[in-house]
N, C-alpha and C. Protein backbone atom coordinates (compact mmCIF):
# COMPACT_ATOMS: atom_id res chain seq x y z
N MET A 1 22.32 52.97 17.92
CA MET A 1 23.63 54.02 18.32
C MET A 1 23.48 54.04 19.85
N ASN A 2 24.82 53.87 20.60
CA ASN A 2 25.01 53.82 21.82
C ASN A 2 25.01 55.08 22.14
N LEU A 3 24.95 55.48 23.64
CA LEU A 3 25.04 56.83 24.54
C LEU A 3 26.34 57.35 24.19
N PHE A 4 27.47 56.72 24.52
CA PHE A 4 28.77 56.92 24.37
C PHE A 4 29.01 57.31 22.74
N GLY A 5 28.51 56.71 21.94
CA GLY A 5 28.83 57.30 20.49
C GLY A 5 28.20 58.86 20.51
N LEU A 6 26.99 58.98 21.18
CA LEU A 6 26.34 60.20 21.07
C LEU A 6 27.64 61.52 21.30
N PHE A 7 28.18 60.97 22.27
CA PHE A 7 29.42 62.05 22.79
C PHE A 7 30.47 62.67 21.74
N GLN A 8 30.91 61.47 21.00
CA GLN A 8 31.68 61.73 19.96
C GLN A 8 31.11 62.40 18.85
N ILE A 9 29.99 61.97 18.42
CA ILE A 9 29.18 62.82 17.38
C ILE A 9 28.86 64.45 17.73
N SER A 10 28.13 64.36 18.98
CA SER A 10 27.78 65.82 19.37
C SER A 10 29.16 66.62 19.55
N GLY A 11 30.43 66.00 19.89
CA GLY A 11 31.55 66.79 20.26
C GLY A 11 32.04 67.18 18.92
N SER A 12 32.11 66.47 17.89
CA SER A 12 32.93 66.81 16.50
C SER A 12 31.73 67.89 16.07
N ALA A 13 30.48 67.92 16.27
CA ALA A 13 29.57 68.98 15.81
C ALA A 13 29.67 70.26 16.64
N LEU A 14 30.01 70.29 17.93
CA LEU A 14 30.36 71.33 18.66
C LEU A 14 31.86 72.20 17.68
N ALA A 15 32.69 71.30 17.76
CA ALA A 15 34.05 71.97 17.18
C ALA A 15 33.55 72.40 15.72
N ALA A 16 32.97 71.78 15.21
CA ALA A 16 32.58 72.25 13.65
C ALA A 16 31.89 73.47 13.58
N GLU A 17 30.71 73.52 14.39
CA GLU A 17 29.91 74.95 14.81
C GLU A 17 30.85 76.03 15.28
N ARG A 18 31.62 75.54 16.08
CA ARG A 18 32.62 76.58 16.68
C ARG A 18 33.38 77.41 15.80
N LEU A 19 33.87 76.56 14.70
CA LEU A 19 34.77 76.93 13.72
C LEU A 19 33.79 77.69 12.63
N ARG A 20 32.80 77.49 12.62
CA ARG A 20 31.96 77.98 11.50
C ARG A 20 31.58 79.44 12.19
N ALA A 21 31.28 79.38 13.42
CA ALA A 21 30.95 80.96 14.02
C ALA A 21 32.17 81.63 13.82
N GLU A 22 33.44 81.24 13.88
CA GLU A 22 34.45 81.99 13.98
C GLU A 22 34.85 82.60 12.62
N VAL A 23 34.65 81.76 11.70
CA VAL A 23 34.54 82.21 10.19
C VAL A 23 33.51 83.20 10.05
N VAL A 24 32.45 82.98 10.47
CA VAL A 24 31.31 84.12 10.14
C VAL A 24 31.70 85.41 10.63
N THR A 25 32.24 85.38 12.06
CA THR A 25 32.48 86.92 12.62
C THR A 25 33.66 87.31 11.91
N THR A 26 34.69 86.36 11.42
CA THR A 26 35.87 86.89 10.81
C THR A 26 35.44 87.66 9.51
N ASN A 27 34.26 87.00 8.69
CA ASN A 27 33.67 87.70 7.59
C ASN A 27 33.07 89.30 7.86
N LEU A 28 32.16 89.26 9.29
CA LEU A 28 31.52 90.49 9.83
C LEU A 28 32.82 91.55 10.03
N ALA A 29 33.78 91.15 10.64
CA ALA A 29 34.90 92.04 10.94
C ALA A 29 35.37 92.46 9.68
N ASN A 30 35.52 91.98 8.66
CA ASN A 30 36.33 92.56 7.36
C ASN A 30 35.06 93.07 6.56
N VAL A 31 33.92 93.36 6.77
CA VAL A 31 32.96 93.65 5.78
C VAL A 31 33.09 95.16 5.02
N GLU A 32 34.07 96.03 5.65
CA GLU A 32 34.58 97.11 4.97
C GLU A 32 36.40 97.15 4.66
N SER A 33 36.85 95.91 4.49
CA SER A 33 38.02 95.74 4.40
C SER A 33 38.29 95.65 2.89
N THR A 34 38.84 97.02 2.52
CA THR A 34 39.24 96.95 1.02
C THR A 34 40.69 96.26 0.58
N ARG A 35 41.42 96.20 1.56
CA ARG A 35 42.79 95.61 1.03
C ARG A 35 43.38 94.53 2.32
N THR A 36 43.61 93.56 1.48
CA THR A 36 44.27 92.49 2.38
C THR A 36 45.86 92.40 2.06
N ALA A 37 46.64 91.47 2.80
CA ALA A 37 47.85 91.45 2.40
C ALA A 37 48.09 91.19 0.99
N ASP A 38 47.27 90.74 0.24
CA ASP A 38 47.70 90.74 -1.22
C ASP A 38 47.05 91.71 -2.27
N GLY A 39 46.53 92.57 -1.40
CA GLY A 39 46.18 93.69 -2.13
C GLY A 39 44.91 93.98 -2.65
N GLN A 40 44.05 92.83 -2.49
CA GLN A 40 42.86 92.82 -2.85
C GLN A 40 41.93 93.05 -1.72
N PRO A 41 40.39 93.22 -2.11
CA PRO A 41 39.63 93.36 -0.84
C PRO A 41 39.54 92.17 -0.36
N TYR A 42 38.97 91.82 0.83
CA TYR A 42 38.72 90.80 1.83
C TYR A 42 37.56 89.91 0.95
N ARG A 43 37.88 88.62 0.96
CA ARG A 43 36.86 87.56 0.22
C ARG A 43 35.97 87.01 1.14
N ARG A 44 34.69 86.59 1.36
CA ARG A 44 34.01 86.16 2.15
C ARG A 44 34.31 84.48 1.87
N ARG A 45 34.55 84.03 3.48
CA ARG A 45 34.72 82.47 3.46
C ARG A 45 33.71 81.75 4.34
N MET A 46 33.36 80.36 3.49
CA MET A 46 32.45 79.62 4.04
C MET A 46 32.87 78.35 4.65
N VAL A 47 32.19 77.76 5.38
CA VAL A 47 32.84 76.44 6.17
C VAL A 47 32.01 75.47 5.32
N ILE A 48 32.67 74.04 4.90
CA ILE A 48 31.89 73.04 4.26
C ILE A 48 32.08 71.94 5.24
N PHE A 49 30.88 71.29 5.74
CA PHE A 49 31.03 70.09 6.48
C PHE A 49 30.88 68.91 5.89
N SER A 50 31.19 67.89 6.34
CA SER A 50 31.03 66.38 5.64
C SER A 50 30.97 65.66 6.94
N SER A 51 30.51 64.39 6.46
CA SER A 51 30.45 63.45 7.78
C SER A 51 31.67 62.74 7.93
N LYS A 52 31.88 62.42 9.09
CA LYS A 52 33.24 61.56 9.56
C LYS A 52 32.90 60.24 9.91
N PRO A 53 33.56 59.50 9.16
CA PRO A 53 33.51 57.90 9.51
C PRO A 53 34.02 57.71 11.13
N SER A 54 33.17 56.54 11.51
CA SER A 54 33.72 56.14 12.76
C SER A 54 35.20 55.66 12.78
N SER A 55 35.62 55.37 14.02
CA SER A 55 37.09 54.67 14.07
C SER A 55 36.89 53.21 13.96
N PRO A 56 37.70 52.33 13.56
CA PRO A 56 37.65 50.98 13.73
C PRO A 56 37.31 50.38 15.04
N PHE A 57 37.88 51.11 16.09
CA PHE A 57 37.58 50.60 17.49
C PHE A 57 36.02 50.99 17.63
N GLN A 58 35.64 52.31 17.25
CA GLN A 58 34.28 52.23 17.62
C GLN A 58 33.22 51.47 16.67
N LEU A 59 33.64 51.16 15.51
CA LEU A 59 32.85 50.39 14.70
C LEU A 59 32.89 48.93 15.46
N ARG A 60 33.85 48.24 15.82
CA ARG A 60 33.98 47.22 16.43
C ARG A 60 33.14 47.19 17.82
N MET A 61 33.06 48.10 18.83
CA MET A 61 32.55 48.19 19.76
C MET A 61 30.79 48.51 19.53
N ALA A 62 30.59 49.04 18.39
CA ALA A 62 29.11 49.25 18.41
C ALA A 62 28.61 47.86 17.58
N SER A 63 29.40 47.16 16.87
CA SER A 63 28.98 45.86 16.35
C SER A 63 28.69 44.84 17.47
N LEU A 64 29.30 45.11 18.67
CA LEU A 64 29.38 44.17 19.95
C LEU A 64 28.12 44.54 20.72
N LEU A 65 28.11 46.03 20.85
CA LEU A 65 27.03 46.50 21.81
C LEU A 65 25.57 46.48 21.12
N ALA A 66 25.58 46.84 19.83
CA ALA A 66 24.28 46.91 19.26
C ALA A 66 24.55 46.73 17.82
N PRO A 67 24.22 45.11 17.53
CA PRO A 67 24.70 44.58 16.17
C PRO A 67 23.67 45.39 15.13
N GLY A 68 24.48 45.60 14.06
CA GLY A 68 23.71 46.26 12.80
C GLY A 68 23.98 47.64 12.77
N THR A 69 24.67 48.24 13.65
CA THR A 69 24.99 49.72 13.70
C THR A 69 26.40 50.11 13.46
N ALA A 70 26.99 49.12 12.90
CA ALA A 70 28.36 49.43 12.65
C ALA A 70 28.63 50.39 11.40
N ASP A 71 27.89 50.42 10.45
CA ASP A 71 28.15 51.42 9.63
C ASP A 71 27.43 52.87 9.72
N GLU A 72 27.22 53.13 10.98
CA GLU A 72 26.82 54.64 11.14
C GLU A 72 28.06 55.68 11.13
N ALA A 73 27.75 57.03 10.68
CA ALA A 73 28.73 57.87 10.70
C ALA A 73 29.22 58.06 12.33
N GLY A 74 30.43 58.72 12.16
CA GLY A 74 30.99 59.04 13.50
C GLY A 74 31.14 60.61 13.91
N GLY A 75 30.39 61.30 13.12
CA GLY A 75 30.07 62.69 13.52
C GLY A 75 30.41 63.52 12.45
N VAL A 76 30.73 64.77 12.46
CA VAL A 76 30.63 65.88 11.58
C VAL A 76 32.27 66.45 11.54
N ARG A 77 32.69 66.68 10.33
CA ARG A 77 34.07 67.42 10.15
C ARG A 77 34.03 68.56 9.42
N VAL A 78 35.25 69.33 9.27
CA VAL A 78 35.02 70.61 8.40
C VAL A 78 35.92 69.92 7.36
N SER A 79 35.38 69.90 5.89
CA SER A 79 36.20 69.53 5.07
C SER A 79 36.95 70.36 4.25
N ALA A 80 36.33 71.74 4.60
CA ALA A 80 37.22 72.66 3.85
C ALA A 80 36.57 74.12 4.23
N ILE A 81 37.40 75.13 3.85
CA ILE A 81 36.95 76.27 4.20
C ILE A 81 37.20 77.19 2.89
N VAL A 82 36.18 77.49 2.13
CA VAL A 82 36.24 78.07 0.79
C VAL A 82 36.00 79.56 0.76
N THR A 83 36.68 79.94 -0.22
CA THR A 83 36.61 81.49 -0.28
C THR A 83 35.32 81.76 -1.50
N ASP A 84 34.54 82.63 -1.17
CA ASP A 84 33.46 82.80 -2.29
C ASP A 84 34.14 83.59 -3.29
N SER A 85 33.49 83.37 -4.36
CA SER A 85 33.84 83.75 -5.62
C SER A 85 33.21 84.99 -6.36
N THR A 86 32.05 85.50 -5.56
CA THR A 86 31.66 86.39 -5.62
C THR A 86 32.32 87.98 -5.89
N PRO A 87 32.30 88.61 -7.12
CA PRO A 87 33.25 89.67 -7.47
C PRO A 87 32.77 90.77 -6.49
N PRO A 88 33.93 91.51 -5.97
CA PRO A 88 33.76 92.67 -5.25
C PRO A 88 32.87 94.05 -5.61
N LEU A 89 31.98 94.42 -4.46
CA LEU A 89 31.32 95.58 -4.65
C LEU A 89 32.20 96.70 -5.10
N ARG A 90 31.82 97.52 -6.15
CA ARG A 90 32.68 98.81 -6.50
C ARG A 90 31.83 99.99 -6.20
N ARG A 91 32.16 100.91 -5.41
CA ARG A 91 31.79 102.05 -5.02
C ARG A 91 32.54 103.55 -5.37
N TYR A 92 31.76 104.53 -5.98
CA TYR A 92 32.49 105.41 -6.45
C TYR A 92 33.04 106.28 -5.00
N GLU A 93 34.38 106.53 -4.93
CA GLU A 93 35.01 107.07 -3.66
C GLU A 93 36.25 107.69 -4.22
N PRO A 94 36.39 108.78 -5.12
CA PRO A 94 37.53 109.14 -5.51
C PRO A 94 38.75 109.45 -4.61
N GLY A 95 38.21 109.81 -3.26
CA GLY A 95 39.02 110.40 -2.29
C GLY A 95 39.90 109.32 -1.40
N HIS A 96 39.45 107.80 -1.69
CA HIS A 96 39.82 106.93 -0.84
C HIS A 96 41.24 106.35 -1.35
N PRO A 97 41.89 106.38 -0.12
CA PRO A 97 43.37 105.82 -0.67
C PRO A 97 43.62 104.42 -1.48
N ASP A 98 42.29 103.68 -1.65
CA ASP A 98 42.13 102.31 -2.37
C ASP A 98 41.72 102.72 -3.68
N ALA A 99 41.21 103.74 -4.19
CA ALA A 99 40.45 104.02 -5.43
C ALA A 99 41.32 103.70 -6.45
N ASP A 100 41.01 103.07 -7.49
CA ASP A 100 41.56 102.90 -8.81
C ASP A 100 41.52 104.23 -9.63
N ALA A 101 42.19 103.84 -10.92
CA ALA A 101 42.03 105.38 -11.37
C ALA A 101 40.83 106.01 -11.82
N ASN A 102 39.82 104.95 -12.04
CA ASN A 102 38.39 105.78 -12.14
C ASN A 102 37.84 106.33 -10.88
N GLY A 103 38.33 106.06 -9.77
CA GLY A 103 37.89 106.57 -8.48
C GLY A 103 36.98 105.77 -7.95
N TYR A 104 37.09 104.13 -8.31
CA TYR A 104 36.22 103.42 -7.84
C TYR A 104 36.97 102.42 -6.68
N VAL A 105 36.40 102.03 -5.40
CA VAL A 105 36.97 101.28 -4.32
C VAL A 105 36.20 99.85 -4.69
N SER A 106 36.84 98.82 -4.43
CA SER A 106 36.20 97.53 -4.42
C SER A 106 36.18 96.99 -2.93
N TYR A 107 34.73 96.82 -2.46
CA TYR A 107 34.59 96.18 -1.21
C TYR A 107 34.17 94.81 -1.26
N PRO A 108 34.25 94.23 0.03
CA PRO A 108 33.89 92.79 -0.03
C PRO A 108 32.46 92.67 -0.30
N ALA A 109 32.34 91.55 -1.09
CA ALA A 109 30.76 91.27 -1.30
C ALA A 109 30.09 90.64 -0.30
N ILE A 110 30.03 91.26 0.92
CA ILE A 110 29.72 90.40 2.21
C ILE A 110 28.34 91.16 2.64
N ASN A 111 27.20 90.28 2.73
CA ASN A 111 25.96 90.65 3.48
C ASN A 111 25.70 90.75 4.68
N PRO A 112 26.04 91.64 5.44
CA PRO A 112 26.11 91.56 7.01
C PRO A 112 24.60 90.86 7.63
N ALA A 113 23.62 91.18 7.08
CA ALA A 113 22.44 90.19 7.52
C ALA A 113 22.45 88.86 7.17
N GLN A 114 23.10 88.39 5.80
CA GLN A 114 23.30 86.89 5.81
C GLN A 114 24.22 86.47 6.76
N GLU A 115 25.36 87.23 7.08
CA GLU A 115 26.12 86.81 8.01
C GLU A 115 25.85 86.47 9.53
N MET A 116 24.73 87.36 9.92
CA MET A 116 24.20 87.22 11.04
C MET A 116 23.28 86.17 11.10
N VAL A 117 22.51 86.01 10.03
CA VAL A 117 21.70 84.68 10.03
C VAL A 117 22.55 83.29 10.18
N ASP A 118 23.86 83.49 9.35
CA ASP A 118 24.64 82.18 9.53
C ASP A 118 24.98 82.06 10.84
N LEU A 119 25.57 83.29 11.64
CA LEU A 119 25.84 83.24 12.86
C LEU A 119 25.10 82.68 14.03
N MET A 120 23.62 83.02 13.79
CA MET A 120 22.65 82.55 14.41
C MET A 120 22.17 81.09 14.54
N GLU A 121 22.49 80.49 12.91
CA GLU A 121 22.37 79.21 12.91
C GLU A 121 23.35 78.42 13.37
N ALA A 122 24.69 78.85 13.44
CA ALA A 122 25.94 77.91 14.05
C ALA A 122 25.64 78.24 15.68
N GLU A 123 24.94 79.28 16.15
CA GLU A 123 24.85 79.37 17.54
C GLU A 123 23.85 78.32 17.88
N ARG A 124 22.78 78.29 17.11
CA ARG A 124 21.51 77.41 17.63
C ARG A 124 22.00 76.04 17.62
N ALA A 125 22.89 75.56 16.38
CA ALA A 125 23.20 73.97 16.14
C ALA A 125 24.13 73.94 17.26
N TYR A 126 24.91 74.81 17.84
CA TYR A 126 25.79 74.55 18.94
C TYR A 126 25.06 74.26 20.06
N GLU A 127 24.10 75.10 20.26
CA GLU A 127 23.30 74.83 21.64
C GLU A 127 22.48 73.54 21.37
N LEU A 128 22.04 73.28 20.42
CA LEU A 128 21.36 71.86 20.45
C LEU A 128 22.33 70.72 20.42
N ASN A 129 23.40 70.80 20.07
CA ASN A 129 24.54 69.77 20.49
C ASN A 129 24.88 69.64 21.67
N ALA A 130 24.93 70.84 22.38
CA ALA A 130 25.43 71.22 23.91
C ALA A 130 24.25 70.26 24.73
N SER A 131 22.90 70.32 24.00
CA SER A 131 21.67 69.96 24.99
C SER A 131 21.90 68.55 24.63
N ALA A 132 22.02 68.02 23.48
CA ALA A 132 22.34 66.36 23.32
C ALA A 132 23.45 65.91 24.27
N VAL A 133 24.30 66.37 24.49
CA VAL A 133 25.37 66.01 25.31
C VAL A 133 24.83 65.90 26.85
N GLN A 134 24.23 66.96 27.27
CA GLN A 134 23.64 67.13 28.49
C GLN A 134 22.54 66.01 28.71
N ALA A 135 21.61 65.74 27.93
CA ALA A 135 20.77 64.94 28.07
C ALA A 135 21.32 63.26 27.90
N ALA A 136 22.26 63.09 27.01
CA ALA A 136 23.03 61.59 27.17
C ALA A 136 23.69 61.42 28.69
N LYS A 137 24.18 62.75 28.86
CA LYS A 137 24.89 62.52 30.28
C LYS A 137 23.77 62.10 31.57
N GLN A 138 22.69 62.82 31.39
CA GLN A 138 21.66 62.44 32.40
C GLN A 138 21.06 61.17 32.24
N MET A 139 21.06 60.63 31.08
CA MET A 139 20.63 59.46 30.86
C MET A 139 21.46 58.24 31.62
N ILE A 140 22.68 58.62 31.49
CA ILE A 140 23.80 57.81 31.93
C ILE A 140 23.90 57.88 33.50
N GLN A 141 23.60 58.98 33.88
CA GLN A 141 23.44 59.03 35.35
C GLN A 141 22.42 58.36 35.99
N GLN A 142 21.10 58.60 35.21
CA GLN A 142 19.90 57.92 35.73
C GLN A 142 19.94 56.34 35.64
N SER A 143 20.59 55.87 34.64
CA SER A 143 20.89 54.39 34.48
C SER A 143 21.82 53.98 35.66
N LEU A 144 22.86 54.74 35.95
CA LEU A 144 23.86 54.43 37.21
C LEU A 144 23.07 54.23 38.45
N GLN A 145 22.21 55.18 38.67
CA GLN A 145 21.26 55.39 39.66
C GLN A 145 20.34 53.99 40.00
N ILE A 146 19.82 53.61 38.79
CA ILE A 146 18.92 52.50 38.94
C ILE A 146 19.79 51.39 39.24
N LEU A 147 21.02 51.03 38.72
CA LEU A 147 21.77 50.02 38.93
C LEU A 147 22.39 49.85 40.32
N ARG A 148 22.19 51.08 41.20
CA ARG A 148 22.54 51.07 42.49
C ARG A 148 21.93 49.77 43.54
C-alpha cells in the first residue's frame, strides 16, 4: 500500500465512524421516546460497515507503484443502517398518555450503557484513523525534506 492510499482508506473510515457516532447519539436521545411519527416507540438503529473496493484508477496506480497490491480494499463504507428487531420494553404506567388499555407503555429497547460503549468505540476508531492520516502526512513531509 502506498501512503496516498492510506488517506483514502482512513478518510472513508473517518466518515463511517462519524455516521456511526451520529446514529448512536440519536439512539441515546430517543431512549425515552414512546411514540414516533408512525405511532410506535423509537427503535434502536445500528450501522453496518463493509469494505469498499478501490477505484479503477487507484488499482492501476497501485499496480504501477507497488506491483501485487492492486487487489487491496479501498476503505470502509456504510452498507446499511438497520433497525433493531428487539421488542419494546413494557412498563406499567396507567397515567401516561401513550399507555395502552391495560396501562402499559412501550419504551425503546435501548441500553444506555451499551450505547455509551458504542459511542466510545466510534470515538476511538475516529481518533485512530485521524492519527494514521497525521502519521502519513508527517512521513510524506519528511520524505520531501530528504529530497530537498
